Amino acid sequence: MLKYTIVSGVVFGLIALLQLIRAISQWPVQIGAYDVPVLLSWVAAMVAAALSVWAFSSIPK
């Protein structure tokens, strides 16, 4: 279970980083005919960062 927790923390951390880069750079994202607002990337970055912190904080010391 320890490896799973570490991998989860790293994956969520990378997702948070990529969402943050997208939000700061104002990269346009379009899914079909729908333009994804940049605000959604800020929210996704915060959620992914929280999940990453949660994963790393649950590792026994």
PDB file of N, CA and C in Angstrom:
ATOM      1  N   MET A   1       0.819  -1.200   0.000  1.00  0.00           N
ATOM      2  CA  MET A   1       0.000   0.000   0.000  1.00  0.00           C
ATOM      3  C   MET A   1       0.863   1.265   0.000  1.00  0.00           C
ATOM      4  N   LEU A   2       2.081   1.161   0.501  1.00  0.00           N
ATOM      5  CA  LEU A   2       2.964   2.322   0.556  1.00  0.00           C
ATOM      6  C   LEU A   2       3.328   2.809  -0.851  1.00  0.00           C
ATOM      7  N   LYS A   3       3.639   1.869  -1.754  1.00  0.00           N
ATOM      8  CA  LYS A   3       4.005   2.263  -3.119  1.00  0.00           C
ATOM      9  C   LYS A   3       2.828   2.933  -3.820  1.00  0.00           C
ATOM     10  N   TYR A   4       1.636   2.401  -3.608  1.00  0.00           N
ATOM     11  CA  TYR A   4       0.436   2.988  -4.215  1.00  0.00           C
ATOM     12  C   TYR A   4       0.250   4.427  -3.742  1.00  0.00           C
ATOM     13  N   THR A   5       0.447   4.667  -2.467  1.00  0.00           N
ATOM     14  CA  THR A   5       0.269   6.001  -1.908  1.00  0.00           C
ATOM     15  C   THR A   5       1.297   6.973  -2.481  1.00  0.00           C
ATOM     16  N   ILE A   6       2.531   6.519  -2.603  1.00  0.00           N
ATOM     17  CA  ILE A   6       3.578   7.378  -3.161  1.00  0.00           C
ATOM     18  C   ILE A   6       3.290   7.691  -4.630  1.00  0.00           C
ATOM     19  N   VAL A   7       2.918   6.663  -5.394  1.00  0.00           N
ATOM     20  CA  VAL A   7       2.612   6.874  -6.814  1.00  0.00           C
ATOM     21  C   VAL A   7       1.419   7.810  -6.967  1.00  0.00           C
ATOM     22  N   SER A   8       0.400   7.633  -6.135  1.00  0.00           N
ATOM     23  CA  SER A   8      -0.772   8.515  -6.190  1.00  0.00           C
ATOM     24  C   SER A   8      -0.382   9.960  -5.897  1.00  0.00           C
ATOM     25  N   GLY A   9       0.442  10.157  -4.881  1.00  0.00           N
ATOM     26  CA  GLY A   9       0.885  11.502  -4.541  1.00  0.00           C
ATOM     27  C   GLY A   9       1.668  12.160  -5.663  1.00  0.00           C
ATOM     28  N   VAL A  10       2.539  11.392  -6.311  1.00  0.00           N
ATOM     29  CA  VAL A  10       3.334  11.927  -7.420  1.00  0.00           C
ATOM     30  C   VAL A  10       2.441  12.253  -8.615  1.00  0.00           C
ATOM     31  N   VAL A  11       1.525  11.342  -8.950  1.00  0.00           N
ATOM     32  CA  VAL A  11       0.639  11.571 -10.098  1.00  0.00           C
ATOM     33  C   VAL A  11      -0.233  12.803  -9.869  1.00  0.00           C
ATOM     34  N   PHE A  12      -0.832  12.913  -8.685  1.00  0.00           N
ATOM     35  CA  PHE A  12      -1.658  14.083  -8.406  1.00  0.00           C
ATOM     36  C   PHE A  12      -0.813  15.357  -8.375  1.00  0.00           C
ATOM     37  N   GLY A  13       0.419  15.263  -7.908  1.00  0.00           N
ATOM     38  CA  GLY A  13       1.307  16.420  -7.929  1.00  0.00           C
ATOM     39  C   GLY A  13       1.625  16.879  -9.345  1.00  0.00           C
ATOM     40  N   LEU A  14       1.866  15.924 -10.241  1.00  0.00           N
ATOM     41  CA  LEU A  14       2.125  16.272 -11.640  1.00  0.00           C
ATOM     42  C   LEU A  14       0.896  16.877 -12.307  1.00  0.00           C
ATOM     43  N   ILE A  15      -0.266  16.321 -12.010  1.00  0.00           N
ATOM     44  CA  ILE A  15      -1.507  16.881 -12.558  1.00  0.00           C
ATOM     45  C   ILE A  15      -1.694  18.313 -12.069  1.00  0.00           C
ATOM     46  N   ALA A  16      -1.439  18.539 -10.782  1.00  0.00           N
ATOM     47  CA  ALA A  16      -1.570  19.889 -10.228  1.00  0.00           C
ATOM     48  C   ALA A  16      -0.600  20.849 -10.915  1.00  0.00           C
ATOM     49  N   LEU A  17       0.623  20.398 -11.127  1.00  0.00           N
ATOM     50  CA  LEU A  17       1.621  21.240 -11.781  1.00  0.00           C
ATOM     51  C   LEU A  17       1.210  21.579 -13.212  1.00  0.00           C
ATOM     52  N   LEU A  18       0.744  20.591 -13.958  1.00  0.00           N
ATOM     53  CA  LEU A  18       0.327  20.840 -15.338  1.00  0.00           C
ATOM     54  C   LEU A  18      -0.891  21.759 -15.405  1.00  0.00           C
ATOM     55  N   GLN A  19      -1.832  21.580 -14.500  1.00  0.00           N
ATOM     56  CA  GLN A  19      -3.003  22.460 -14.479  1.00  0.00           C
ATOM     57  C   GLN A  19      -2.597  23.885 -14.113  1.00  0.00           C
ATOM     58  N   LEU A  20      -1.657  24.017 -13.196  1.00  0.00           N
ATOM     59  CA  LEU A  20      -1.172  25.340 -12.807  1.00  0.00           C
ATOM     60  C   LEU A  20      -0.457  26.022 -13.974  1.00  0.00           C
ATOM     61  N   ILE A  21       0.365  25.274 -14.694  1.00  0.00           N
ATOM     62  CA  ILE A  21       1.046  25.825 -15.869  1.00  0.00           C
ATOM     63  C   ILE A  21       0.028  26.263 -16.911  1.00  0.00           C
ATOM     64  N   ARG A  22      -0.997  25.438 -17.129  1.00  0.00           N
ATOM     65  CA  ARG A  22      -2.039  25.788 -18.101  1.00  0.00           C
ATOM     66  C   ARG A  22      -2.765  27.058 -17.678  1.00  0.00           C
ATOM     67  N   ALA A  23      -3.070  27.175 -16.386  1.00  0.00           N
ATOM     68  CA  ALA A  23      -3.804  28.342 -15.899  1.00  0.00           C
ATOM     69  C   ALA A  23      -2.967  29.618 -16.010  1.00  0.00           C
ATOM     70  N   ILE A  24      -1.695  29.530 -15.654  1.00  0.00           N
ATOM     71  CA  ILE A  24      -0.826  30.710 -15.712  1.00  0.00           C
ATOM     72  C   ILE A  24      -0.558  31.120 -17.157  1.00  0.00           C
ATOM     73  N   SER A  25      -0.353  30.138 -18.024  1.00  0.00           N
ATOM     74  CA  SER A  25      -0.036  30.417 -19.430  1.00  0.00           C
ATOM     75  C   SER A  25      -1.257  30.745 -20.274  1.00  0.00           C
ATOM     76  N   GLN A  26      -2.446  30.545 -19.708  1.00  0.00           N
ATOM     77  CA  GLN A  26      -3.695  30.816 -20.426  1.00  0.00           C
ATOM     78  C   GLN A  26      -3.822  29.979 -21.701  1.00  0.00           C
ATOM     79  N   TRP A  27      -3.360  28.726 -21.645  1.00  0.00           N
ATOM     80  CA  TRP A  27      -3.477  27.852 -22.810  1.00  0.00           C
ATOM     81  C   TRP A  27      -4.937  27.546 -23.085  1.00  0.00           C
ATOM     82  N   PRO A  28      -5.355  27.692 -24.323  1.00  0.00           N
ATOM     83  CA  PRO A  28      -6.752  27.370 -24.644  1.00  0.00           C
ATOM     84  C   PRO A  28      -6.956  25.855 -24.715  1.00  0.00           C
ATOM     85  N   VAL A  29      -8.067  25.398 -24.188  1.00  0.00           N
ATOM     86  CA  VAL A  29      -8.439  23.985 -24.259  1.00  0.00           C
ATOM     87  C   VAL A  29      -9.865  23.924 -24.776  1.00  0.00           C
ATOM     88  N   GLN A  30     -10.061  23.063 -25.749  1.00  0.00           N
ATOM     89  CA  GLN A  30     -11.390  22.910 -26.325  1.00  0.00           C
ATOM     90  C   GLN A  30     -11.722  21.424 -26.379  1.00  0.00           C
ATOM     91  N   ILE A  31     -12.892  21.072 -25.865  1.00  0.00           N
ATOM     92  CA  ILE A  31     -13.395  19.704 -25.926  1.00  0.00           C
ATOM     93  C   ILE A  31     -14.635  19.738 -26.798  1.00  0.00           C
ATOM     94  N   GLY A  32     -14.494  19.210 -27.992  1.00  0.00           N
ATOM     95  CA  GLY A  32     -15.596  19.312 -28.950  1.00  0.00           C
ATOM     96  C   GLY A  32     -15.816  20.771 -29.309  1.00  0.00           C
ATOM     97  N   ALA A  33     -17.029  21.232 -29.134  1.00  0.00           N
ATOM     98  CA  ALA A  33     -17.351  22.634 -29.413  1.00  0.00           C
ATOM     99  C   ALA A  33     -17.267  23.496 -28.156  1.00  0.00           C
ATOM    100  N   TYR A  34     -16.927  22.887 -27.017  1.00  0.00           N
ATOM    101  CA  TYR A  34     -16.922  23.591 -25.734  1.00  0.00           C
ATOM    102  C   TYR A  34     -15.520  24.079 -25.400  1.00  0.00           C
ATOM    103  N   ASP A  35     -15.387  25.381 -25.131  1.00  0.00           N
ATOM    104  CA  ASP A  35     -14.125  25.943 -24.661  1.00  0.00           C
ATOM    105  C   ASP A  35     -14.070  25.812 -23.142  1.00  0.00           C
ATOM    106  N   VAL A  36     -13.025  25.158 -22.647  1.00  0.00           N
ATOM    107  CA  VAL A  36     -12.867  24.963 -21.208  1.00  0.00           C
ATOM    108  C   VAL A  36     -12.301  26.246 -20.604  1.00  0.00           C
ATOM    109  N   PRO A  37     -12.989  26.849 -19.630  1.00  0.00           N
ATOM    110  CA  PRO A  37     -12.489  28.092 -19.042  1.00  0.00           C
ATOM    111  C   PRO A  37     -11.225  27.854 -18.205  1.00  0.00           C
ATOM    112  N   VAL A  38     -10.383  28.877 -18.146  1.00  0.00           N
ATOM    113  CA  VAL A  38      -9.136  28.784 -17.388  1.00  0.00           C
ATOM    114  C   VAL A  38      -9.425  28.631 -15.894  1.00  0.00           C
ATOM    115  N   LEU A  39     -10.522  29.186 -15.430  1.00  0.00           N
ATOM    116  CA  LEU A  39     -10.893  29.050 -14.022  1.00  0.00           C
ATOM    117  C   LEU A  39     -10.988  27.583 -13.618  1.00  0.00           C
ATOM    118  N   LEU A  40     -11.431  26.745 -14.532  1.00  0.00           N
ATOM    119  CA  LEU A  40     -11.535  25.320 -14.242  1.00  0.00           C
ATOM    120  C   LEU A  40     -10.157  24.711 -13.978  1.00  0.00           C
ATOM    121  N   SER A  41      -9.121  25.214 -14.638  1.00  0.00           N
ATOM    122  CA  SER A  41      -7.766  24.724 -14.386  1.00  0.00           C
ATOM    123  C   SER A  41      -7.265  25.149 -13.012  1.00  0.00           C
ATOM    124  N   TRP A  42      -7.634  26.352 -12.566  1.00  0.00           N
ATOM    125  CA  TRP A  42      -7.258  26.773 -11.211  1.00  0.00           C
ATOM    126  C   TRP A  42      -7.890  25.850 -10.172  1.00  0.00           C
ATOM    127  N   VAL A  43      -9.154  25.541 -10.367  1.00  0.00           N
ATOM    128  CA  VAL A  43      -9.861  24.650  -9.434  1.00  0.00           C
ATOM    129  C   VAL A  43      -9.250  23.251  -9.481  1.00  0.00           C
ATOM    130  N   ALA A  44      -8.992  22.749 -10.684  1.00  0.00           N
ATOM    131  CA  ALA A  44      -8.411  21.413 -10.831  1.00  0.00           C
ATOM    132  C   ALA A  44      -7.021  21.344 -10.206  1.00  0.00           C
ATOM    133  N   ALA A  45      -6.239  22.408 -10.340  1.00  0.00           N
ATOM    134  CA  ALA A  45      -4.903  22.441  -9.745  1.00  0.00           C
ATOM    135  C   ALA A  45      -4.985  22.396  -8.227  1.00  0.00           C
ATOM    136  N   MET A  46      -5.924  23.135  -7.654  1.00  0.00           N
ATOM    137  CA  MET A  46      -6.060  23.138  -6.195  1.00  0.00           C
ATOM    138  C   MET A  46      -6.534  21.780  -5.679  1.00  0.00           C
ATOM    139  N   VAL A  47      -7.478  21.165  -6.378  1.00  0.00           N
ATOM    140  CA  VAL A  47      -7.982  19.854  -5.958  1.00  0.00           C
ATOM    141  C   VAL A  47      -6.881  18.802  -6.076  1.00  0.00           C
ATOM    142  N   ALA A  48      -6.164  18.797  -7.190  1.00  0.00           N
ATOM    143  CA  ALA A  48      -5.091  17.822  -7.381  1.00  0.00           C
ATOM    144  C   ALA A  48      -3.965  18.031  -6.370  1.00  0.00           C
ATOM    145  N   ALA A  49      -3.636  19.280  -6.072  1.00  0.00           N
ATOM    146  CA  ALA A  49      -2.603  19.558  -5.069  1.00  0.00           C
ATOM    147  C   ALA A  49      -3.042  19.076  -3.692  1.00  0.00           C
ATOM    148  N   ALA A  50      -4.304  19.283  -3.362  1.00  0.00           N
ATOM    149  CA  ALA A  50      -4.816  18.813  -2.070  1.00  0.00           C
ATOM    150  C   ALA A  50      -4.765  17.292  -1.986  1.00  0.00           C
ATOM    151  N   LEU A  51      -5.111  16.614  -3.066  1.00  0.00           N
ATOM    152  CA  LEU A  51      -5.046  15.150  -3.073  1.00  0.00           C
ATOM    153  C   LEU A  51      -3.606  14.655  -2.966  1.00  0.00           C
ATOM    154  N   SER A  52      -2.671  15.374  -3.582  1.00  0.00           N
ATOM    155  CA  SER A  52      -1.263  15.011  -3.482  1.00  0.00           C
ATOM    156  C   SER A  52      -0.754  15.171  -2.051  1.00  0.00           C
ATOM    157  N   VAL A  53      -1.088  16.288  -1.436  1.00  0.00           N
ATOM    158  CA  VAL A  53      -0.680  16.519  -0.041  1.00  0.00           C
ATOM    159  C   VAL A  53      -1.304  15.475   0.868  1.00  0.00           C
ATOM    160  N   TRP A  54      -2.551  15.160   0.634  1.00  0.00           N
ATOM    161  CA  TRP A  54      -3.249  14.153   1.433  1.00  0.00           C
ATOM    162  C   TRP A  54      -2.571  12.791   1.296  1.00  0.00           C
ATOM    163  N   ALA A  55      -2.184  12.423   0.076  1.00  0.00           N
ATOM    164  CA  ALA A  55      -1.518  11.138  -0.140  1.00  0.00           C
ATOM    165  C   ALA A  55      -0.187  11.095   0.605  1.00  0.00           C
ATOM    166  N   PHE A  56       0.614  12.144   0.481  1.00  0.00           N
ATOM    167  CA  PHE A  56       1.916  12.143   1.146  1.00  0.00           C
ATOM    168  C   PHE A  56       1.796  12.254   2.663  1.00  0.00           C
ATOM    169  N   SER A  57       0.763  12.920   3.141  1.00  0.00           N
ATOM    170  CA  SER A  57       0.609  13.035   4.595  1.00  0.00           C
ATOM    171  C   SER A  57       0.081  11.747   5.218  1.00  0.00           C
ATOM    172  N   SER A  58      -0.477  10.856   4.409  1.00  0.00           N
ATOM    173  CA  SER A  58      -0.986   9.597   4.958  1.00  0.00           C
ATOM    174  C   SER A  58       0.079   8.508   5.018  1.00  0.00           C
ATOM    175  N   ILE A  59       1.279   8.806   4.526  1.00  0.00           N
ATOM    176  CA  ILE A  59       2.374   7.833   4.598  1.00  0.00           C
ATOM    177  C   ILE A  59       2.856   7.765   6.043  1.00  0.00           C
ATOM    178  N   PRO A  60       2.901   6.556   6.609  1.00  0.00           N
ATOM    179  CA  PRO A  60       3.361   6.443   8.002  1.00  0.00           C
ATOM    180  C   PRO A  60       4.831   6.837   8.129  1.00  0.00           C
ATOM    181  N   LYS A  61       5.127   7.493   9.230  1.00  0.00           N
ATOM    182  CA  LYS A  61       6.499   7.974   9.443  1.00  0.00           C
ATOM    183  C   LYS A  61       7.248   7.070  10.374  1.00  0.00           C
TER     184      LYS A  61
END
